[in-house]
């Protein structure tokens, strides 16, 4: 019984402890080059998904979009081509009762690709190529 009480007490103390999540900061990112590569793929995916829409003209008036410019032209083109590819391959919405023609899960798809292991792997491979050329 003492052990159960002790275990319960420890669990209560542990659950009351403050979680310490670190804030994202581009200046202290693990690898700004990889972040920039993935950002370019994400931004291009969104731009292509919302093509012929004035939303990005409004966004670009206030948003610089990406704070890192260390990508080579080849890497930048690769990231953008990945974003375009994903935007062209978005399947029609499957559970959207009130969707009209042309509506889709554009932002969610682009974001899920941004955080995917697939894009992480591609970005890491591109980064290794970039380092080999230096």
N, C-alpha and C. Protein backbone atom coordinates (compact mmCIF):
# COMPACT_ATOMS: atom_id res chain seq x y z
N UNK A 1 0.82 -1.18 0.00
CA UNK A 1 0.00 0.00 0.00
C UNK A 1 0.88 1.26 0.00
N UNK A 2 2.00 1.19 0.75
CA UNK A 2 2.92 2.33 0.78
C UNK A 2 3.46 2.63 -0.61
N UNK A 3 3.75 1.57 -1.36
CA UNK A 3 4.31 1.75 -2.69
C UNK A 3 3.30 2.40 -3.63
N UNK A 4 2.05 2.02 -3.53
CA UNK A 4 1.01 2.60 -4.38
C UNK A 4 0.84 4.07 -4.04
N UNK A 5 0.82 4.40 -2.75
CA UNK A 5 0.71 5.80 -2.32
C UNK A 5 1.91 6.60 -2.82
N UNK A 6 3.10 6.05 -2.65
CA UNK A 6 4.33 6.72 -3.09
C UNK A 6 4.32 6.94 -4.61
N UNK A 7 3.91 5.91 -5.36
CA UNK A 7 3.84 6.01 -6.81
C UNK A 7 2.82 7.07 -7.23
N UNK A 8 1.66 7.08 -6.58
CA UNK A 8 0.64 8.08 -6.87
C UNK A 8 1.14 9.48 -6.58
N UNK A 9 1.85 9.65 -5.46
CA UNK A 9 2.40 10.94 -5.09
C UNK A 9 3.41 11.43 -6.14
N UNK A 10 4.27 10.54 -6.58
CA UNK A 10 5.26 10.88 -7.61
C UNK A 10 4.57 11.26 -8.92
N UNK A 11 3.54 10.52 -9.30
CA UNK A 11 2.81 10.84 -10.53
C UNK A 11 2.15 12.21 -10.44
N UNK A 12 1.58 12.54 -9.30
CA UNK A 12 0.95 13.85 -9.12
C UNK A 12 1.99 14.96 -9.23
N UNK A 13 3.11 14.79 -8.58
CA UNK A 13 4.17 15.80 -8.67
C UNK A 13 4.69 15.95 -10.10
N UNK A 14 4.85 14.85 -10.77
CA UNK A 14 5.35 14.87 -12.14
C UNK A 14 4.35 15.55 -13.08
N UNK A 15 3.07 15.32 -12.88
CA UNK A 15 2.07 15.91 -13.77
C UNK A 15 1.93 17.41 -13.53
N UNK A 16 2.32 17.88 -12.37
CA UNK A 16 2.25 19.31 -12.06
C UNK A 16 3.49 20.06 -12.54
N UNK A 17 4.50 19.36 -12.96
CA UNK A 17 5.73 20.01 -13.41
C UNK A 17 5.47 20.79 -14.69
N UNK A 18 6.16 21.90 -14.82
CA UNK A 18 6.01 22.75 -16.00
C UNK A 18 6.70 22.10 -17.20
N UNK A 19 5.97 22.03 -18.30
CA UNK A 19 6.58 21.53 -19.54
C UNK A 19 7.45 22.63 -20.12
N UNK A 20 8.60 22.28 -20.60
CA UNK A 20 9.48 23.29 -21.17
C UNK A 20 9.67 23.00 -22.65
N UNK A 21 8.83 23.61 -23.46
CA UNK A 21 8.95 23.49 -24.91
C UNK A 21 9.75 24.68 -25.40
N UNK A 22 10.70 24.43 -26.24
CA UNK A 22 11.49 25.54 -26.75
C UNK A 22 10.75 26.21 -27.91
N UNK A 23 10.90 27.51 -27.98
CA UNK A 23 10.30 28.27 -29.07
C UNK A 23 11.17 28.14 -30.30
N UNK A 24 10.52 28.15 -31.47
CA UNK A 24 11.28 28.08 -32.71
C UNK A 24 11.96 29.42 -32.96
N UNK A 25 13.20 29.37 -33.38
CA UNK A 25 13.96 30.57 -33.67
C UNK A 25 14.89 30.26 -34.85
N UNK A 26 14.73 30.98 -35.95
CA UNK A 26 15.58 30.74 -37.12
C UNK A 26 17.05 30.92 -36.80
N UNK A 27 17.35 31.83 -35.89
CA UNK A 27 18.75 32.08 -35.56
C UNK A 27 19.38 30.95 -34.75
N UNK A 28 18.56 30.12 -34.14
CA UNK A 28 19.09 29.00 -33.36
C UNK A 28 18.57 27.66 -33.89
N UNK A 29 18.21 27.60 -35.15
CA UNK A 29 17.72 26.36 -35.75
C UNK A 29 18.87 25.36 -35.87
N UNK A 30 18.52 24.08 -35.85
CA UNK A 30 19.55 23.05 -35.99
C UNK A 30 20.30 23.20 -37.31
N UNK A 31 19.56 23.44 -38.39
CA UNK A 31 20.19 23.60 -39.69
C UNK A 31 19.35 24.55 -40.54
N UNK A 32 19.70 25.84 -40.58
CA UNK A 32 18.91 26.81 -41.33
C UNK A 32 18.82 26.49 -42.82
N UNK A 33 19.83 25.82 -43.37
CA UNK A 33 19.81 25.47 -44.79
C UNK A 33 18.65 24.51 -45.06
N UNK A 34 18.52 23.49 -44.23
CA UNK A 34 17.45 22.51 -44.40
C UNK A 34 16.09 23.16 -44.17
N UNK A 35 15.99 24.03 -43.17
CA UNK A 35 14.73 24.75 -42.94
C UNK A 35 14.36 25.57 -44.17
N UNK A 36 15.35 26.26 -44.75
CA UNK A 36 15.08 27.09 -45.93
C UNK A 36 14.64 26.25 -47.12
N UNK A 37 15.26 25.10 -47.30
CA UNK A 37 14.89 24.20 -48.39
C UNK A 37 13.43 23.75 -48.23
N UNK A 38 13.10 23.33 -47.02
CA UNK A 38 11.73 22.87 -46.76
C UNK A 38 10.74 24.03 -46.86
N UNK A 39 11.14 25.22 -46.40
CA UNK A 39 10.28 26.40 -46.52
C UNK A 39 9.96 26.68 -47.98
N UNK A 40 10.97 26.59 -48.84
CA UNK A 40 10.75 26.86 -50.26
C UNK A 40 9.77 25.86 -50.87
N UNK A 41 9.90 24.59 -50.49
CA UNK A 41 8.96 23.58 -51.00
C UNK A 41 7.54 23.89 -50.52
N UNK A 42 7.40 24.26 -49.26
CA UNK A 42 6.09 24.57 -48.69
C UNK A 42 5.48 25.80 -49.35
N UNK A 43 6.25 26.88 -49.45
CA UNK A 43 5.74 28.12 -50.03
C UNK A 43 5.35 27.91 -51.49
N UNK A 44 6.17 27.18 -52.23
CA UNK A 44 5.85 26.91 -53.64
C UNK A 44 4.60 26.05 -53.75
N UNK A 45 4.45 25.07 -52.88
CA UNK A 45 3.25 24.24 -52.88
C UNK A 45 2.01 25.10 -52.69
N UNK A 46 2.07 26.02 -51.73
CA UNK A 46 0.92 26.91 -51.49
C UNK A 46 0.68 27.84 -52.68
N UNK A 47 1.76 28.44 -53.21
CA UNK A 47 1.60 29.35 -54.35
C UNK A 47 0.98 28.65 -55.55
N UNK A 48 1.43 27.44 -55.82
CA UNK A 48 0.88 26.69 -56.95
C UNK A 48 -0.56 26.26 -56.69
N UNK A 49 -0.86 25.93 -55.44
CA UNK A 49 -2.22 25.50 -55.10
C UNK A 49 -3.21 26.65 -55.24
N UNK A 50 -2.76 27.85 -54.90
CA UNK A 50 -3.62 29.03 -54.99
C UNK A 50 -3.25 29.88 -56.20
N UNK A 51 -2.82 29.23 -57.28
CA UNK A 51 -2.43 29.95 -58.49
C UNK A 51 -3.60 30.79 -59.00
N UNK A 52 -3.28 31.89 -59.60
CA UNK A 52 -4.27 32.81 -60.17
C UNK A 52 -5.18 33.39 -59.09
N UNK A 53 -4.68 33.46 -57.89
CA UNK A 53 -5.43 34.05 -56.79
C UNK A 53 -4.59 35.20 -56.25
N UNK A 54 -5.22 36.25 -55.84
CA UNK A 54 -4.48 37.42 -55.38
C UNK A 54 -3.99 37.29 -53.94
N UNK A 55 -4.25 36.18 -53.30
CA UNK A 55 -3.89 36.02 -51.90
C UNK A 55 -2.39 36.18 -51.67
N UNK A 56 -1.56 35.63 -52.56
CA UNK A 56 -0.12 35.74 -52.35
C UNK A 56 0.41 37.13 -52.65
N UNK A 57 -0.27 37.87 -53.49
CA UNK A 57 0.13 39.27 -53.70
C UNK A 57 -0.07 40.05 -52.40
N UNK A 58 -1.15 39.76 -51.70
CA UNK A 58 -1.39 40.42 -50.42
C UNK A 58 -0.40 39.96 -49.36
N UNK A 59 -0.13 38.67 -49.33
CA UNK A 59 0.81 38.12 -48.34
C UNK A 59 2.20 38.70 -48.54
N UNK A 60 2.65 38.78 -49.79
CA UNK A 60 4.01 39.25 -50.07
C UNK A 60 4.21 40.73 -49.78
N UNK A 61 3.11 41.48 -49.60
CA UNK A 61 3.24 42.88 -49.20
C UNK A 61 3.75 43.00 -47.77
N UNK A 62 3.46 42.01 -46.94
CA UNK A 62 3.85 42.07 -45.53
C UNK A 62 4.88 41.01 -45.15
N UNK A 63 4.93 39.91 -45.87
CA UNK A 63 5.73 38.76 -45.46
C UNK A 63 6.92 38.56 -46.38
N UNK A 64 8.12 38.44 -45.80
CA UNK A 64 9.32 38.19 -46.60
C UNK A 64 9.44 36.71 -46.98
N UNK A 65 8.59 35.87 -46.44
CA UNK A 65 8.43 34.45 -46.74
C UNK A 65 9.55 33.55 -46.21
N UNK A 66 10.81 33.92 -46.38
CA UNK A 66 11.89 33.05 -45.91
C UNK A 66 13.10 33.90 -45.56
N UNK A 67 13.60 33.79 -44.31
CA UNK A 67 14.70 34.66 -43.89
C UNK A 67 16.10 34.18 -44.26
N UNK A 68 16.23 33.07 -44.95
CA UNK A 68 17.56 32.52 -45.24
C UNK A 68 17.77 32.45 -46.73
N UNK A 69 18.88 32.97 -47.21
CA UNK A 69 19.13 32.97 -48.65
C UNK A 69 20.38 32.19 -49.04
N UNK A 70 20.74 31.18 -48.25
CA UNK A 70 21.95 30.42 -48.51
C UNK A 70 21.80 29.26 -49.48
N UNK A 71 20.62 29.07 -50.05
CA UNK A 71 20.42 27.97 -50.99
C UNK A 71 21.07 28.29 -52.33
N UNK A 72 21.66 27.29 -52.95
CA UNK A 72 22.17 27.47 -54.30
C UNK A 72 20.99 27.52 -55.26
N UNK A 73 21.22 28.01 -56.45
CA UNK A 73 20.15 28.10 -57.43
C UNK A 73 19.60 26.71 -57.74
N UNK A 74 20.48 25.72 -57.83
CA UNK A 74 20.06 24.35 -58.11
C UNK A 74 19.17 23.81 -56.98
N UNK A 75 19.56 24.06 -55.74
CA UNK A 75 18.78 23.59 -54.59
C UNK A 75 17.43 24.31 -54.52
N UNK A 76 17.45 25.59 -54.82
CA UNK A 76 16.21 26.37 -54.82
C UNK A 76 15.24 25.82 -55.87
N UNK A 77 15.75 25.53 -57.06
CA UNK A 77 14.91 24.96 -58.12
C UNK A 77 14.38 23.58 -57.73
N UNK A 78 15.20 22.78 -57.08
CA UNK A 78 14.78 21.44 -56.63
C UNK A 78 13.65 21.56 -55.61
N UNK A 79 13.80 22.45 -54.63
CA UNK A 79 12.77 22.63 -53.61
C UNK A 79 11.47 23.11 -54.24
N UNK A 80 11.58 24.05 -55.16
CA UNK A 80 10.38 24.57 -55.83
C UNK A 80 9.71 23.50 -56.69
N UNK A 81 10.51 22.67 -57.34
CA UNK A 81 9.91 21.61 -58.17
C UNK A 81 9.17 20.60 -57.30
N UNK A 82 9.70 20.33 -56.11
CA UNK A 82 9.00 19.42 -55.19
C UNK A 82 7.67 20.03 -54.75
N UNK A 83 7.67 21.31 -54.45
CA UNK A 83 6.43 21.99 -54.07
C UNK A 83 5.40 21.96 -55.18
N UNK A 84 5.85 22.20 -56.41
CA UNK A 84 4.94 22.14 -57.56
C UNK A 84 4.37 20.74 -57.74
N UNK A 85 5.23 19.75 -57.61
CA UNK A 85 4.81 18.36 -57.77
C UNK A 85 3.73 17.99 -56.75
N UNK A 86 3.92 18.36 -55.50
CA UNK A 86 2.94 18.06 -54.47
C UNK A 86 1.63 18.78 -54.75
N UNK A 87 1.70 20.04 -55.17
CA UNK A 87 0.47 20.80 -55.42
C UNK A 87 -0.33 20.22 -56.58
N UNK A 88 0.35 19.62 -57.54
CA UNK A 88 -0.35 19.02 -58.69
C UNK A 88 -0.92 17.65 -58.37
N UNK A 89 -0.46 17.06 -57.27
CA UNK A 89 -0.84 15.69 -56.94
C UNK A 89 -1.79 15.60 -55.74
N UNK A 90 -2.47 16.69 -55.42
CA UNK A 90 -3.40 16.68 -54.29
C UNK A 90 -4.69 15.99 -54.74
N UNK A 91 -5.06 14.91 -54.06
CA UNK A 91 -6.28 14.20 -54.46
C UNK A 91 -7.52 15.03 -54.13
N UNK A 92 -8.64 14.74 -54.77
CA UNK A 92 -9.87 15.47 -54.45
C UNK A 92 -10.27 15.22 -53.00
N UNK A 93 -10.96 16.18 -52.39
CA UNK A 93 -11.34 16.02 -50.98
C UNK A 93 -12.27 14.82 -50.80
N UNK A 94 -12.00 14.05 -49.76
CA UNK A 94 -12.80 12.84 -49.55
C UNK A 94 -13.92 13.04 -48.55
N UNK A 95 -13.74 13.92 -47.60
CA UNK A 95 -14.77 14.12 -46.58
C UNK A 95 -15.12 15.60 -46.47
N UNK A 96 -15.59 16.16 -47.52
CA UNK A 96 -15.92 17.58 -47.53
C UNK A 96 -17.33 17.73 -48.08
N UNK A 97 -18.30 17.76 -47.18
CA UNK A 97 -19.71 17.77 -47.58
C UNK A 97 -20.11 19.03 -48.34
N UNK A 98 -19.62 20.17 -47.91
CA UNK A 98 -20.05 21.44 -48.52
C UNK A 98 -19.01 22.04 -49.45
N UNK A 99 -18.06 21.24 -49.89
CA UNK A 99 -17.03 21.76 -50.78
C UNK A 99 -17.61 22.06 -52.15
N UNK A 100 -17.15 23.16 -52.71
CA UNK A 100 -17.54 23.49 -54.08
C UNK A 100 -16.39 23.07 -55.00
N UNK A 101 -16.64 23.13 -56.28
CA UNK A 101 -15.60 22.75 -57.24
C UNK A 101 -14.39 23.66 -57.08
N UNK A 102 -13.22 23.06 -57.03
CA UNK A 102 -11.99 23.82 -56.86
C UNK A 102 -11.52 23.89 -55.42
N UNK A 103 -12.37 23.55 -54.47
CA UNK A 103 -11.95 23.54 -53.07
C UNK A 103 -11.22 22.24 -52.78
N UNK A 104 -10.21 22.33 -51.95
CA UNK A 104 -9.44 21.15 -51.60
C UNK A 104 -8.68 21.42 -50.32
N UNK A 105 -7.94 20.44 -49.87
CA UNK A 105 -7.14 20.56 -48.65
C UNK A 105 -5.73 21.03 -49.01
N UNK A 106 -5.62 22.17 -49.64
CA UNK A 106 -4.34 22.65 -50.13
C UNK A 106 -3.36 22.92 -48.99
N UNK A 107 -3.76 23.76 -48.05
CA UNK A 107 -2.85 24.14 -46.98
C UNK A 107 -2.44 22.93 -46.14
N UNK A 108 -3.40 22.09 -45.80
CA UNK A 108 -3.09 20.91 -44.98
C UNK A 108 -2.13 19.98 -45.72
N UNK A 109 -2.35 19.78 -47.01
CA UNK A 109 -1.48 18.88 -47.78
C UNK A 109 -0.06 19.44 -47.85
N UNK A 110 0.06 20.73 -48.13
CA UNK A 110 1.39 21.35 -48.20
C UNK A 110 2.09 21.29 -46.85
N UNK A 111 1.34 21.53 -45.78
CA UNK A 111 1.94 21.49 -44.44
C UNK A 111 2.37 20.07 -44.06
N UNK A 112 1.52 19.10 -44.36
CA UNK A 112 1.87 17.71 -44.03
C UNK A 112 3.10 17.26 -44.81
N UNK A 113 3.24 17.74 -46.05
CA UNK A 113 4.44 17.42 -46.81
C UNK A 113 5.65 18.10 -46.18
N UNK A 114 5.49 19.34 -45.75
CA UNK A 114 6.58 20.08 -45.11
C UNK A 114 7.15 19.32 -43.91
N UNK A 115 6.27 18.73 -43.12
CA UNK A 115 6.74 18.04 -41.91
C UNK A 115 6.97 16.55 -42.13
N UNK A 116 6.91 16.09 -43.37
CA UNK A 116 7.06 14.66 -43.66
C UNK A 116 8.51 14.20 -43.58
N UNK A 117 8.68 12.93 -43.31
CA UNK A 117 10.01 12.32 -43.31
C UNK A 117 10.57 12.29 -44.73
N UNK A 118 9.68 12.20 -45.72
CA UNK A 118 10.11 12.20 -47.12
C UNK A 118 10.86 13.49 -47.45
N UNK A 119 10.26 14.63 -47.11
CA UNK A 119 10.92 15.91 -47.40
C UNK A 119 12.17 16.08 -46.54
N UNK A 120 12.13 15.61 -45.29
CA UNK A 120 13.33 15.65 -44.45
C UNK A 120 14.48 14.90 -45.12
N UNK A 121 14.18 13.73 -45.64
CA UNK A 121 15.20 12.90 -46.29
C UNK A 121 15.76 13.59 -47.53
N UNK A 122 14.87 14.15 -48.35
CA UNK A 122 15.31 14.84 -49.56
C UNK A 122 16.15 16.06 -49.20
N UNK A 123 15.70 16.83 -48.21
CA UNK A 123 16.43 18.03 -47.79
C UNK A 123 17.82 17.67 -47.27
N UNK A 124 17.91 16.61 -46.50
CA UNK A 124 19.22 16.17 -45.99
C UNK A 124 20.14 15.73 -47.12
N UNK A 125 19.60 15.02 -48.11
CA UNK A 125 20.40 14.59 -49.25
C UNK A 125 20.88 15.80 -50.06
N UNK A 126 20.00 16.77 -50.25
CA UNK A 126 20.38 17.99 -50.98
C UNK A 126 21.43 18.78 -50.20
N UNK A 127 21.31 18.78 -48.89
CA UNK A 127 22.30 19.49 -48.07
C UNK A 127 23.67 18.83 -48.18
N UNK A 128 23.70 17.52 -48.21
CA UNK A 128 24.99 16.82 -48.38
C UNK A 128 25.60 17.16 -49.74
N UNK A 129 24.76 17.24 -50.79
CA UNK A 129 25.27 17.64 -52.12
C UNK A 129 25.83 19.06 -52.06
N UNK A 130 25.10 19.93 -51.39
CA UNK A 130 25.52 21.33 -51.25
C UNK A 130 26.88 21.42 -50.55
N UNK A 131 27.06 20.65 -49.49
CA UNK A 131 28.34 20.65 -48.77
C UNK A 131 29.47 20.09 -49.61
N UNK A 132 29.17 19.10 -50.44
CA UNK A 132 30.20 18.49 -51.30
C UNK A 132 30.70 19.48 -52.35
N UNK A 133 29.84 20.41 -52.76
CA UNK A 133 30.23 21.39 -53.77
C UNK A 133 31.04 22.54 -53.19
N UNK A 134 30.99 22.70 -51.89
CA UNK A 134 31.70 23.82 -51.25
C UNK A 134 33.19 23.61 -51.23
